[in-house]
N, C-alpha and C. Protein backbone atom coordinates (compact mmCIF):
# COMPACT_ATOMS: atom_id res chain seq x y z
N UNK A 1 -1.09 26.50 -60.47
CA UNK A 1 -0.13 27.12 -60.62
C UNK A 1 0.73 25.91 -61.68
N UNK A 2 1.43 26.98 -62.83
CA UNK A 2 2.20 26.10 -63.60
C UNK A 2 3.30 26.06 -63.14
N UNK A 3 4.09 25.49 -63.90
CA UNK A 3 5.40 25.03 -63.89
C UNK A 3 6.53 26.46 -63.49
N UNK A 4 5.98 27.22 -64.55
CA UNK A 4 6.58 28.34 -64.72
C UNK A 4 6.79 29.23 -63.96
N UNK A 5 5.90 29.09 -62.67
CA UNK A 5 5.55 30.16 -61.35
C UNK A 5 6.45 29.72 -60.35
N UNK A 6 6.93 30.52 -59.80
CA UNK A 6 7.86 30.31 -58.43
C UNK A 6 6.84 29.83 -57.47
N UNK A 7 7.14 29.23 -56.42
CA UNK A 7 6.18 29.34 -55.36
C UNK A 7 6.64 30.27 -54.35
N UNK A 8 5.72 30.59 -53.50
CA UNK A 8 6.02 31.69 -52.49
C UNK A 8 6.61 31.10 -51.90
N UNK A 9 7.86 31.78 -50.84
CA UNK A 9 8.67 31.28 -49.94
C UNK A 9 7.86 30.87 -48.92
N UNK A 10 6.62 32.04 -48.47
CA UNK A 10 5.78 31.48 -47.33
C UNK A 10 5.16 29.87 -47.36
N UNK A 11 5.17 29.54 -48.23
CA UNK A 11 4.33 28.46 -48.38
C UNK A 11 5.79 27.03 -48.23
N UNK A 12 6.66 27.20 -48.66
CA UNK A 12 7.66 26.37 -47.87
C UNK A 12 7.75 26.46 -46.11
N UNK A 13 7.68 27.36 -45.68
CA UNK A 13 7.96 27.38 -44.18
C UNK A 13 6.52 26.34 -43.69
N UNK A 14 5.57 26.76 -43.97
CA UNK A 14 4.36 26.08 -43.71
C UNK A 14 4.41 24.65 -43.86
N UNK A 15 4.91 24.31 -45.28
CA UNK A 15 5.39 22.63 -45.30
C UNK A 15 6.21 22.36 -43.93
N UNK A 16 7.23 23.02 -43.87
CA UNK A 16 8.26 22.79 -42.82
C UNK A 16 7.61 22.50 -41.58
N UNK A 17 6.64 23.26 -41.15
CA UNK A 17 5.95 23.77 -39.68
C UNK A 17 4.94 21.97 -39.89
N UNK A 18 4.57 21.65 -40.84
CA UNK A 18 3.77 20.50 -41.02
C UNK A 18 4.79 19.07 -40.48
N UNK A 19 5.83 19.09 -40.89
CA UNK A 19 6.88 17.71 -40.80
C UNK A 19 7.46 18.07 -39.44
N UNK A 20 7.26 19.26 -38.65
CA UNK A 20 8.06 19.21 -37.35
C UNK A 20 6.90 18.58 -36.17
N UNK A 21 7.53 17.77 -34.92
CA UNK A 21 7.34 16.83 -34.20
C UNK A 21 7.09 17.70 -32.92
N UNK A 22 5.72 17.58 -32.28
CA UNK A 22 5.89 18.24 -30.78
C UNK A 22 7.31 17.74 -30.07
N UNK A 23 7.53 18.66 -28.94
CA UNK A 23 8.67 18.05 -28.11
C UNK A 23 7.86 17.02 -27.02
N UNK A 24 8.84 15.94 -26.98
CA UNK A 24 7.94 14.95 -26.05
C UNK A 24 8.33 15.39 -24.73
N UNK A 25 6.96 15.35 -24.22
CA UNK A 25 6.65 15.65 -22.79
C UNK A 25 6.30 14.44 -21.92
N UNK A 26 6.42 14.47 -20.54
CA UNK A 26 6.53 13.78 -19.91
C UNK A 26 5.08 13.85 -18.44
N UNK A 27 4.35 13.11 -18.32
CA UNK A 27 3.48 12.96 -17.14
C UNK A 27 3.18 12.05 -16.08
N UNK A 28 2.77 12.58 -14.89
CA UNK A 28 2.92 11.94 -13.76
C UNK A 28 1.79 11.19 -13.69
N UNK A 29 1.57 9.83 -13.56
CA UNK A 29 0.29 9.27 -13.20
C UNK A 29 0.52 8.16 -11.80
N UNK A 30 -0.85 8.01 -11.20
CA UNK A 30 -0.99 6.97 -10.36
C UNK A 30 -1.07 5.22 -10.70
N UNK A 31 0.01 4.42 -10.78
CA UNK A 31 0.28 3.49 -11.43
C UNK A 31 -0.45 2.23 -10.40
N UNK A 32 -0.90 1.42 -10.82
CA UNK A 32 -0.93 0.31 -9.84
C UNK A 32 0.29 -0.84 -10.55
N UNK A 33 1.09 -1.05 -9.51
CA UNK A 33 2.37 -1.77 -9.74
C UNK A 33 2.13 -3.31 -9.06
N UNK A 34 1.16 -3.40 -8.40
CA UNK A 34 0.85 -4.52 -7.11
C UNK A 34 -0.62 -4.86 -7.03
N UNK A 35 -0.83 -5.92 -7.44
CA UNK A 35 -2.43 -6.75 -7.40
C UNK A 35 -2.27 -7.93 -6.77
N UNK A 36 -2.42 -8.31 -5.74
CA UNK A 36 -2.32 -9.65 -5.14
C UNK A 36 -3.04 -9.99 -3.92
N UNK A 37 -2.71 -10.98 -3.52
CA UNK A 37 -3.43 -11.92 -2.13
C UNK A 37 -2.64 -12.39 -0.93
N UNK A 38 -2.98 -12.19 -0.13
CA UNK A 38 -2.02 -12.74 1.16
C UNK A 38 -3.20 -13.57 1.98
N UNK A 39 -2.61 -14.30 2.75
CA UNK A 39 -3.72 -14.65 3.90
C UNK A 39 -3.00 -15.30 5.06
N UNK A 40 -3.75 -15.33 6.19
CA UNK A 40 -2.98 -15.66 7.40
C UNK A 40 -4.29 -16.38 8.31
N UNK A 41 -3.73 -17.00 9.41
CA UNK A 41 -4.31 -17.78 10.24
C UNK A 41 -4.59 -17.36 11.82
N UNK A 42 -5.63 -17.23 12.36
CA UNK A 42 -5.66 -17.21 13.88
C UNK A 42 -6.21 -18.13 14.73
N UNK A 43 -5.85 -18.69 15.59
CA UNK A 43 -6.40 -19.16 16.71
C UNK A 43 -6.66 -18.38 18.35
N UNK A 44 -7.80 -18.48 18.69
CA UNK A 44 -8.25 -17.81 19.87
C UNK A 44 -9.05 -18.33 20.86
N UNK A 45 -8.72 -18.24 21.76
CA UNK A 45 -9.55 -19.29 22.97
C UNK A 45 -10.31 -17.61 23.88
N UNK A 46 -11.57 -17.70 24.13
CA UNK A 46 -12.17 -15.95 24.18
C UNK A 46 -13.17 -16.69 25.64
N UNK A 47 -12.88 -15.99 26.75
CA UNK A 47 -13.63 -16.14 27.61
C UNK A 47 -15.10 -15.22 27.76
N UNK A 48 -16.29 -15.90 27.51
CA UNK A 48 -17.36 -14.81 27.49
C UNK A 48 -17.91 -14.41 28.77
N UNK A 49 -18.61 -13.80 29.05
CA UNK A 49 -19.46 -13.06 30.09
C UNK A 49 -20.39 -14.19 30.62
N UNK A 50 -20.16 -14.90 31.41
CA UNK A 50 -21.09 -16.19 32.05
C UNK A 50 -21.56 -17.17 30.95
N UNK A 51 -22.39 -17.78 31.64
CA UNK A 51 -22.51 -18.95 30.61
C UNK A 51 -23.36 -18.73 29.46
N UNK A 52 -23.07 -19.18 28.19
CA UNK A 52 -23.34 -18.87 26.82
C UNK A 52 -24.37 -19.93 26.27
N UNK A 53 -25.53 -19.83 26.22
CA UNK A 53 -26.55 -20.40 25.86
C UNK A 53 -25.99 -20.88 24.07
N UNK A 54 -25.91 -19.94 23.47
CA UNK A 54 -26.16 -20.16 22.19
C UNK A 54 -25.51 -18.81 21.15
N UNK A 55 -24.48 -19.02 20.59
CA UNK A 55 -23.81 -17.72 19.87
C UNK A 55 -24.95 -17.73 18.27
N UNK A 56 -25.17 -16.43 18.44
CA UNK A 56 -26.13 -16.03 17.31
C UNK A 56 -25.52 -15.55 16.40
N UNK A 57 -24.29 -14.78 16.16
CA UNK A 57 -23.73 -13.79 15.07
C UNK A 57 -22.44 -13.72 15.49
N UNK A 58 -21.46 -13.79 14.81
CA UNK A 58 -19.82 -13.03 15.05
C UNK A 58 -20.14 -12.19 13.61
N UNK A 59 -19.46 -11.02 13.96
CA UNK A 59 -19.36 -9.95 12.81
C UNK A 59 -17.86 -9.43 12.96
N UNK A 60 -17.25 -9.47 11.85
CA UNK A 60 -15.64 -8.71 11.88
C UNK A 60 -15.37 -7.86 10.93
N UNK A 61 -14.27 -6.70 11.65
CA UNK A 61 -14.04 -5.60 10.98
C UNK A 61 -12.46 -5.87 10.96
N UNK A 62 -11.64 -5.02 10.16
CA UNK A 62 -10.50 -4.98 9.91
C UNK A 62 -10.35 -3.27 10.60
N UNK A 63 -9.31 -3.61 11.36
CA UNK A 63 -8.95 -1.90 11.77
C UNK A 63 -7.72 -1.60 11.17
N UNK A 64 -7.39 -0.27 11.31
CA UNK A 64 -6.54 0.60 10.32
C UNK A 64 -4.81 -0.45 10.14
N UNK A 65 -4.76 -0.65 8.85
CA UNK A 65 -3.68 -1.50 8.74
C UNK A 65 -2.34 -0.58 8.49
N UNK A 66 -1.29 -1.36 8.97
CA UNK A 66 -0.01 -0.76 9.36
C UNK A 66 1.22 -1.60 8.11
N UNK A 67 1.62 -0.87 7.85
CA UNK A 67 2.52 -1.72 6.47
C UNK A 67 3.77 -1.12 6.19
N UNK A 68 4.65 -1.81 5.66
CA UNK A 68 6.15 -1.49 5.14
C UNK A 68 6.62 -2.20 3.96
N UNK A 69 6.97 -1.12 2.54
CA UNK A 69 7.15 -1.89 1.81
C UNK A 69 8.19 -1.90 1.18
N UNK A 70 9.20 -2.68 0.59
CA UNK A 70 10.46 -2.74 0.49
C UNK A 70 10.53 -3.40 -0.86
N UNK A 71 10.86 -2.27 -2.00
CA UNK A 71 10.85 -2.84 -3.57
C UNK A 71 12.34 -3.49 -3.72
N UNK A 72 13.27 -3.38 -3.00
CA UNK A 72 14.50 -4.07 -3.50
C UNK A 72 14.59 -5.34 -2.68
N UNK A 73 13.71 -5.84 -1.74
CA UNK A 73 13.36 -6.95 -1.39
C UNK A 73 12.25 -7.80 -1.75
N UNK A 74 11.75 -7.11 -2.56
CA UNK A 74 10.07 -7.59 -2.83
C UNK A 74 9.47 -8.05 -1.92
N UNK A 75 9.21 -7.31 -0.73
CA UNK A 75 8.47 -7.87 0.25
C UNK A 75 7.36 -6.63 1.02
N UNK A 76 6.15 -7.26 1.40
CA UNK A 76 5.46 -6.39 2.10
C UNK A 76 5.54 -7.00 3.60
N UNK A 77 5.56 -5.98 4.60
CA UNK A 77 5.37 -6.36 6.22
C UNK A 77 3.85 -5.59 6.40
N UNK A 78 2.54 -6.17 6.81
CA UNK A 78 1.97 -5.72 7.34
C UNK A 78 1.12 -6.28 8.45
N UNK A 79 0.63 -5.49 9.32
CA UNK A 79 -0.10 -5.62 10.34
C UNK A 79 -1.32 -4.72 10.74
N UNK A 80 -2.24 -5.31 11.76
CA UNK A 80 -3.37 -4.81 11.82
C UNK A 80 -4.07 -5.50 13.20
N UNK A 81 -5.74 -5.15 13.10
CA UNK A 81 -6.32 -5.61 14.33
C UNK A 81 -7.70 -6.26 13.48
N UNK A 82 -7.98 -7.61 13.99
CA UNK A 82 -9.35 -7.99 13.52
C UNK A 82 -10.14 -7.62 14.92
N UNK A 83 -11.33 -7.03 14.94
CA UNK A 83 -12.16 -6.69 15.65
C UNK A 83 -13.54 -7.65 15.59
N UNK A 84 -13.61 -8.65 16.32
CA UNK A 84 -15.40 -9.17 16.39
C UNK A 84 -16.21 -8.85 17.46
N UNK A 85 -17.13 -8.68 16.88
CA UNK A 85 -18.23 -8.42 17.81
C UNK A 85 -19.11 -10.02 17.97
N UNK A 86 -19.39 -10.34 19.16
CA UNK A 86 -19.90 -11.70 19.57
C UNK A 86 -21.23 -11.24 19.82
N UNK A 87 -22.48 -12.00 19.19
CA UNK A 87 -24.09 -11.51 19.40
C UNK A 87 -24.16 -13.24 20.36
N UNK A 88 -24.67 -13.15 21.57
CA UNK A 88 -25.25 -14.28 22.21
C UNK A 88 -26.44 -14.34 23.20
N UNK A 89 -26.65 -15.25 23.66
CA UNK A 89 -27.85 -15.44 24.60
C UNK A 89 -26.80 -16.26 25.71
N UNK A 90 -27.40 -16.00 27.23
CA UNK A 90 -26.63 -16.35 28.32
C UNK A 90 -27.39 -16.96 29.40
N UNK A 91 -27.19 -18.42 30.08
CA UNK A 91 -28.14 -18.57 31.17
C UNK A 91 -29.64 -18.68 30.65
N UNK A 92 -30.77 -18.35 31.69
CA UNK A 92 -32.00 -18.30 31.45
C UNK A 92 -32.72 -17.17 31.13
N UNK A 93 -31.66 -16.47 30.80
CA UNK A 93 -31.95 -14.55 30.15
C UNK A 93 -32.56 -14.83 28.43
N UNK A 94 -33.12 -14.35 28.39
CA UNK A 94 -33.91 -14.31 26.72
C UNK A 94 -33.03 -13.09 26.11
N UNK A 95 -32.77 -12.25 26.76
CA UNK A 95 -32.08 -11.08 26.33
C UNK A 95 -30.79 -11.27 25.19
N UNK A 96 -30.47 -10.85 24.52
CA UNK A 96 -29.27 -10.52 23.22
C UNK A 96 -28.10 -9.94 23.97
N UNK A 97 -27.05 -10.61 24.34
CA UNK A 97 -25.75 -9.46 24.61
C UNK A 97 -24.78 -9.64 23.56
N UNK A 98 -23.77 -8.82 23.71
CA UNK A 98 -22.82 -8.49 22.75
C UNK A 98 -21.47 -8.25 23.25
N UNK A 99 -20.49 -8.63 23.18
CA UNK A 99 -18.91 -9.51 23.36
C UNK A 99 -18.09 -8.65 22.18
N UNK A 100 -17.01 -7.53 22.86
CA UNK A 100 -15.91 -7.52 21.67
C UNK A 100 -14.85 -8.10 21.82
N UNK A 101 -14.06 -8.42 20.77
CA UNK A 101 -12.73 -8.93 21.00
C UNK A 101 -11.54 -8.47 19.54
N UNK A 102 -10.33 -8.20 20.27
CA UNK A 102 -9.51 -7.57 19.25
C UNK A 102 -8.39 -8.34 19.40
N UNK A 103 -8.33 -8.94 17.69
CA UNK A 103 -7.20 -9.68 17.98
C UNK A 103 -5.99 -9.20 16.63
N UNK A 104 -5.16 -9.23 17.25
CA UNK A 104 -3.66 -8.53 16.67
C UNK A 104 -3.15 -9.66 15.76
N UNK A 105 -2.51 -9.34 14.39
CA UNK A 105 -2.28 -9.84 13.34
C UNK A 105 -1.21 -9.29 12.82
N UNK A 106 -0.01 -10.31 12.00
CA UNK A 106 0.77 -9.69 11.43
C UNK A 106 1.51 -11.01 10.42
N UNK A 107 1.79 -10.48 9.07
CA UNK A 107 2.31 -11.29 8.30
C UNK A 107 3.27 -10.77 6.95
N UNK A 108 3.66 -11.26 6.12
CA UNK A 108 4.35 -10.74 5.30
C UNK A 108 4.10 -11.37 3.65
N UNK A 109 4.06 -10.70 2.63
CA UNK A 109 3.77 -11.08 1.61
C UNK A 109 4.79 -10.85 0.32
N UNK A 110 5.51 -11.82 -0.68
CA UNK A 110 6.24 -11.46 -1.35
C UNK A 110 5.52 -10.89 -2.31
N UNK A 111 6.28 -9.61 -3.33
CA UNK A 111 5.65 -8.72 -4.10
C UNK A 111 6.00 -9.51 -5.72
N UNK A 112 5.09 -9.39 -6.47
CA UNK A 112 5.14 -9.79 -7.85
C UNK A 112 4.25 -8.61 -8.56
N UNK A 113 5.29 -8.20 -9.22
CA UNK A 113 4.83 -6.86 -9.97
C UNK A 113 3.94 -7.04 -11.53
N UNK A 114 3.27 -5.99 -11.33
CA UNK A 114 2.61 -5.89 -12.63
C UNK A 114 3.38 -5.19 -13.72
N UNK A 115 3.65 -4.02 -13.40
CA UNK A 115 4.91 -3.37 -13.86
C UNK A 115 5.97 -2.72 -12.88
N UNK A 116 7.12 -2.52 -13.41
CA UNK A 116 8.55 -2.27 -12.82
C UNK A 116 8.18 -1.13 -11.65
N UNK A 117 8.32 -1.26 -10.26
CA UNK A 117 8.45 -0.23 -9.48
C UNK A 117 9.42 1.05 -9.67
N UNK A 118 9.29 2.16 -9.40
CA UNK A 118 10.33 3.34 -9.47
C UNK A 118 10.92 2.84 -8.09
N UNK A 119 12.30 2.67 -7.68
CA UNK A 119 13.05 2.90 -6.87
C UNK A 119 13.45 4.33 -6.02
N UNK A 120 13.35 4.77 -4.95
CA UNK A 120 13.54 5.66 -4.45
C UNK A 120 15.02 6.13 -4.52
N UNK A 121 15.40 7.32 -4.59
CA UNK A 121 16.58 7.94 -4.53
C UNK A 121 17.21 8.31 -3.43
N UNK A 122 18.62 7.99 -3.12
CA UNK A 122 18.90 8.21 -1.93
C UNK A 122 19.56 10.03 -1.95
N UNK A 123 19.34 10.41 -0.99
CA UNK A 123 19.81 12.02 -0.70
C UNK A 123 21.49 12.05 -0.91
N UNK A 124 22.06 12.84 -1.57
CA UNK A 124 23.24 12.77 -1.34
C UNK A 124 23.97 13.86 -1.07
N UNK A 125 25.18 13.82 -0.45
CA UNK A 125 25.88 14.89 0.22
C UNK A 125 27.45 14.80 -0.33
N UNK A 126 28.08 15.89 -0.54
CA UNK A 126 29.51 16.21 -1.09
C UNK A 126 29.92 17.15 -0.29
N UNK A 127 31.38 16.98 0.10
CA UNK A 127 32.06 18.13 0.68
C UNK A 127 33.59 18.52 -0.24
N UNK A 128 33.85 19.72 -0.20
CA UNK A 128 34.76 20.31 -0.93
C UNK A 128 35.71 21.37 -0.12
N UNK A 129 36.87 20.28 -0.44
CA UNK A 129 37.67 21.49 0.85
C UNK A 129 38.94 21.94 -0.29
N UNK A 130 38.97 23.54 -0.24
CA UNK A 130 39.92 24.28 -0.84
C UNK A 130 41.10 25.17 -0.14
N UNK A 131 42.43 24.91 -0.46
CA UNK A 131 43.33 25.54 0.61
C UNK A 131 43.77 26.67 -0.34
N UNK A 132 44.05 28.00 0.33
CA UNK A 132 44.91 28.97 -0.67
C UNK A 132 45.91 29.28 0.36
N UNK A 133 47.09 29.08 -0.81
CA UNK A 133 48.53 29.04 -0.61
C UNK A 133 48.78 30.35 0.04
N UNK A 134 48.60 31.43 -0.28
CA UNK A 134 48.98 33.15 -0.11
C UNK A 134 48.54 33.08 1.42
N UNK A 135 47.05 32.89 1.83
CA UNK A 135 47.18 33.07 3.69
C UNK A 135 46.88 31.64 3.90
N UNK A 136 47.12 30.87 3.53
CA UNK A 136 46.90 29.66 4.12
C UNK A 136 45.52 29.02 4.87
N UNK A 137 44.66 29.53 4.22
CA UNK A 137 43.27 29.72 4.50
C UNK A 137 42.60 28.25 4.21
N UNK A 138 41.47 27.84 4.68
CA UNK A 138 40.93 26.23 4.17
C UNK A 138 39.37 26.66 4.00
N UNK A 139 39.14 26.72 2.73
CA UNK A 139 37.64 26.90 2.73
C UNK A 139 36.81 25.48 2.56
N UNK A 140 35.58 25.16 2.94
CA UNK A 140 35.08 24.02 3.20
C UNK A 140 33.35 24.33 2.19
N UNK A 141 33.11 23.59 1.41
CA UNK A 141 31.69 23.65 0.54
C UNK A 141 30.86 22.20 0.65
N UNK A 142 29.71 22.78 0.70
CA UNK A 142 28.78 21.23 0.82
C UNK A 142 27.84 21.45 -0.01
N UNK A 143 28.00 20.14 -0.41
CA UNK A 143 26.55 20.55 -1.51
C UNK A 143 25.73 19.21 -1.45
N UNK A 144 24.34 19.20 -1.22
CA UNK A 144 23.52 18.35 -0.93
C UNK A 144 22.37 18.11 -2.07
N UNK A 145 22.02 16.77 -2.43
CA UNK A 145 20.61 16.74 -3.05
C UNK A 145 19.58 15.98 -2.12
N UNK A 146 18.57 16.69 -2.16
CA UNK A 146 17.61 15.90 -1.55
C UNK A 146 16.48 15.60 -2.32
N UNK A 147 15.73 14.56 -2.28
CA UNK A 147 14.87 13.76 -3.57
C UNK A 147 13.73 14.01 -2.80
N UNK A 148 12.68 14.29 -3.36
CA UNK A 148 11.16 14.17 -2.73
C UNK A 148 10.79 13.10 -3.27
N UNK A 149 11.11 11.62 -2.53
CA UNK A 149 10.42 10.68 -3.02
C UNK A 149 9.37 10.51 -2.46
N UNK A 150 8.26 10.13 -3.21
CA UNK A 150 7.03 10.10 -2.64
C UNK A 150 6.54 8.13 -2.18
N UNK A 151 5.91 8.15 -1.17
CA UNK A 151 5.67 6.50 -0.49
C UNK A 151 4.79 6.03 -1.48
N UNK A 152 4.59 4.28 -1.79
CA UNK A 152 3.66 4.18 -2.43
C UNK A 152 2.27 4.00 -1.66
N UNK A 153 1.60 3.73 -1.92
CA UNK A 153 0.09 3.88 -1.56
C UNK A 153 -0.28 2.31 -1.66
N UNK A 154 -0.60 1.97 -0.41
CA UNK A 154 -1.52 0.30 0.00
C UNK A 154 -2.96 0.40 0.19
N UNK A 155 -3.63 -0.19 -0.62
CA UNK A 155 -4.95 -0.55 -0.40
C UNK A 155 -5.43 -1.73 -0.44
N UNK A 156 -6.12 -1.91 0.80
CA UNK A 156 -6.77 -3.36 0.72
C UNK A 156 -8.08 -3.36 0.21
N UNK A 157 -8.12 -4.19 -0.64
CA UNK A 157 -9.28 -4.28 -1.56
C UNK A 157 -10.73 -4.98 -1.04
N UNK A 158 -10.44 -6.07 -0.55
CA UNK A 158 -11.35 -6.86 0.26
C UNK A 158 -10.71 -7.89 1.17
N UNK A 159 -11.56 -8.37 2.41
CA UNK A 159 -11.13 -9.38 3.52
C UNK A 159 -12.05 -10.40 3.27
N UNK A 160 -11.96 -11.66 3.33
CA UNK A 160 -12.44 -12.53 3.48
C UNK A 160 -12.21 -13.37 4.74
N UNK A 161 -13.04 -13.65 5.67
CA UNK A 161 -12.75 -14.14 7.05
C UNK A 161 -13.78 -15.62 7.11
N UNK A 162 -13.22 -16.77 7.10
CA UNK A 162 -13.70 -17.66 7.38
C UNK A 162 -13.27 -18.50 9.08
N UNK A 163 -14.47 -18.35 9.76
CA UNK A 163 -14.64 -18.76 11.24
C UNK A 163 -15.18 -19.90 11.77
N UNK A 164 -14.11 -20.49 12.30
CA UNK A 164 -15.11 -22.18 12.90
C UNK A 164 -14.77 -21.95 14.16
N UNK A 165 -16.04 -22.30 14.86
CA UNK A 165 -16.21 -22.06 16.46
C UNK A 165 -16.62 -23.33 17.33
N UNK A 166 -16.38 -23.15 18.02
CA UNK A 166 -17.23 -24.30 19.48
C UNK A 166 -17.06 -23.61 20.69
N UNK A 167 -17.58 -23.90 21.66
CA UNK A 167 -17.77 -23.81 22.93
C UNK A 167 -17.53 -24.82 23.93
N UNK A 168 -16.82 -24.00 24.81
CA UNK A 168 -16.09 -25.10 25.99
C UNK A 168 -16.38 -24.72 27.02
N UNK A 169 -17.50 -25.32 27.73
CA UNK A 169 -18.46 -24.98 29.04
C UNK A 169 -17.55 -25.54 30.32
N UNK A 170 -17.21 -24.52 31.13
CA UNK A 170 -16.27 -24.80 32.64
C UNK A 170 -17.48 -24.22 33.42
N UNK A 171 -18.09 -25.38 34.43
CA UNK A 171 -19.02 -24.49 35.50
C UNK A 171 -19.71 -23.28 34.96
N UNK A 172 -19.28 -22.37 35.50
CA UNK A 172 -20.09 -21.10 35.47
C UNK A 172 -19.36 -20.52 33.94
N UNK A 173 -18.61 -20.34 33.70
CA UNK A 173 -17.66 -19.80 32.85
C UNK A 173 -17.85 -20.75 31.45
N UNK A 174 -17.48 -19.74 30.25
CA UNK A 174 -17.66 -20.38 28.70
C UNK A 174 -16.64 -20.06 28.25
N UNK A 175 -15.90 -20.77 27.16
CA UNK A 175 -15.03 -20.53 26.14
C UNK A 175 -15.13 -20.63 25.03
N UNK A 176 -15.18 -19.95 24.14
CA UNK A 176 -15.67 -19.74 22.62
C UNK A 176 -13.97 -20.13 22.08
N UNK A 177 -14.05 -21.13 21.53
CA UNK A 177 -12.75 -21.49 20.84
C UNK A 177 -13.03 -21.11 19.35
N UNK A 178 -12.00 -20.13 18.84
CA UNK A 178 -11.99 -19.80 17.32
C UNK A 178 -10.96 -19.79 16.78
N UNK A 179 -11.29 -20.39 15.45
CA UNK A 179 -10.34 -20.86 14.19
C UNK A 179 -10.64 -19.97 13.43
N UNK A 180 -9.44 -19.05 12.84
CA UNK A 180 -9.97 -17.79 11.72
C UNK A 180 -8.92 -17.96 10.91
N UNK A 181 -9.10 -17.78 9.67
CA UNK A 181 -8.62 -17.84 8.32
C UNK A 181 -8.61 -16.75 7.49
N UNK A 182 -8.00 -15.75 7.20
CA UNK A 182 -8.28 -14.50 6.74
C UNK A 182 -7.56 -14.31 5.26
N UNK A 183 -8.57 -14.12 4.36
CA UNK A 183 -7.72 -13.97 2.73
C UNK A 183 -7.81 -12.61 2.70
N UNK A 184 -6.64 -11.98 2.40
CA UNK A 184 -7.06 -10.43 1.78
C UNK A 184 -6.70 -10.25 0.32
N UNK A 185 -7.19 -9.60 -0.41
CA UNK A 185 -6.79 -8.61 -1.50
C UNK A 185 -6.33 -7.22 -1.53
N UNK A 186 -5.25 -7.14 -1.79
CA UNK A 186 -4.86 -5.70 -1.72
C UNK A 186 -4.00 -4.95 -3.20
N UNK A 187 -3.63 -4.11 -3.37
CA UNK A 187 -2.91 -3.37 -4.60
C UNK A 187 -2.15 -2.83 -3.84
N UNK A 188 -1.32 -2.19 -4.49
CA UNK A 188 -0.10 -1.12 -4.40
C UNK A 188 0.34 -0.38 -5.82
N UNK A 189 0.14 1.26 -5.18
CA UNK A 189 0.06 2.17 -6.42
C UNK A 189 0.66 2.79 -6.06
N UNK A 190 1.52 3.48 -7.20
CA UNK A 190 2.82 4.52 -7.18
C UNK A 190 2.88 5.45 -7.93
N UNK A 191 3.35 6.71 -7.61
CA UNK A 191 3.12 7.96 -8.83
C UNK A 191 4.55 7.31 -9.57
N UNK A 192 4.16 7.41 -11.03
CA UNK A 192 5.28 7.34 -11.86
C UNK A 192 5.41 8.38 -12.94
N UNK A 193 6.88 8.10 -13.49
CA UNK A 193 6.73 9.50 -14.57
C UNK A 193 6.84 8.66 -16.21
N UNK A 194 5.82 8.72 -17.20
CA UNK A 194 5.56 8.20 -18.33
C UNK A 194 5.81 9.07 -19.50
N UNK A 195 6.31 8.68 -20.40
CA UNK A 195 6.43 9.85 -21.36
C UNK A 195 5.13 9.84 -22.41
N UNK A 196 4.83 11.14 -22.91
CA UNK A 196 3.39 11.40 -23.41
C UNK A 196 3.97 10.65 -24.74
N UNK A 197 2.75 9.79 -25.14
CA UNK A 197 2.54 9.41 -26.67
C UNK A 197 2.08 9.98 -27.11
N UNK A 198 2.05 10.82 -28.63
CA UNK A 198 0.98 11.62 -29.19
C UNK A 198 0.57 10.33 -30.61
């Protein structure tokens, strides 16, 4: 195209379209806001069924955990049950015996954030009162805003249980003395709104 020719107006419109930026949009994603560890200790004296010759094994499992998260106080309250299965032999019996124990526990942990948490919004309620002068009639209007706040998700990644055990025998009974140290790795996830970056 030489300088004497005029450019088609249609081409000007296309150039403007190239310069337009798409509208910014937000997207919702599950974000890991805490990744941390906590630990707690338990001591327990367990009466076993009959005279124990030897403890063969002790297996632990964590029962469903209950938790409460307070972002404003930067604290996690957590509790659960540690379930142990003891395998042992007793008396002159060569058979293997099992005994189950349940140990409740609870502890707290201070939260340190990988990214800032989204604080839940409190529901709002307003009341408006109007009085009509002509008939002296009073009208009341209520306005409510109810937020659908989603609770953060708590996940236990792994638990390390270290147990020291000793046996205390008294007459026909035996008592298993347990000192337990638990280390728990966990994370907290929360749905958050993020701007879309093109």
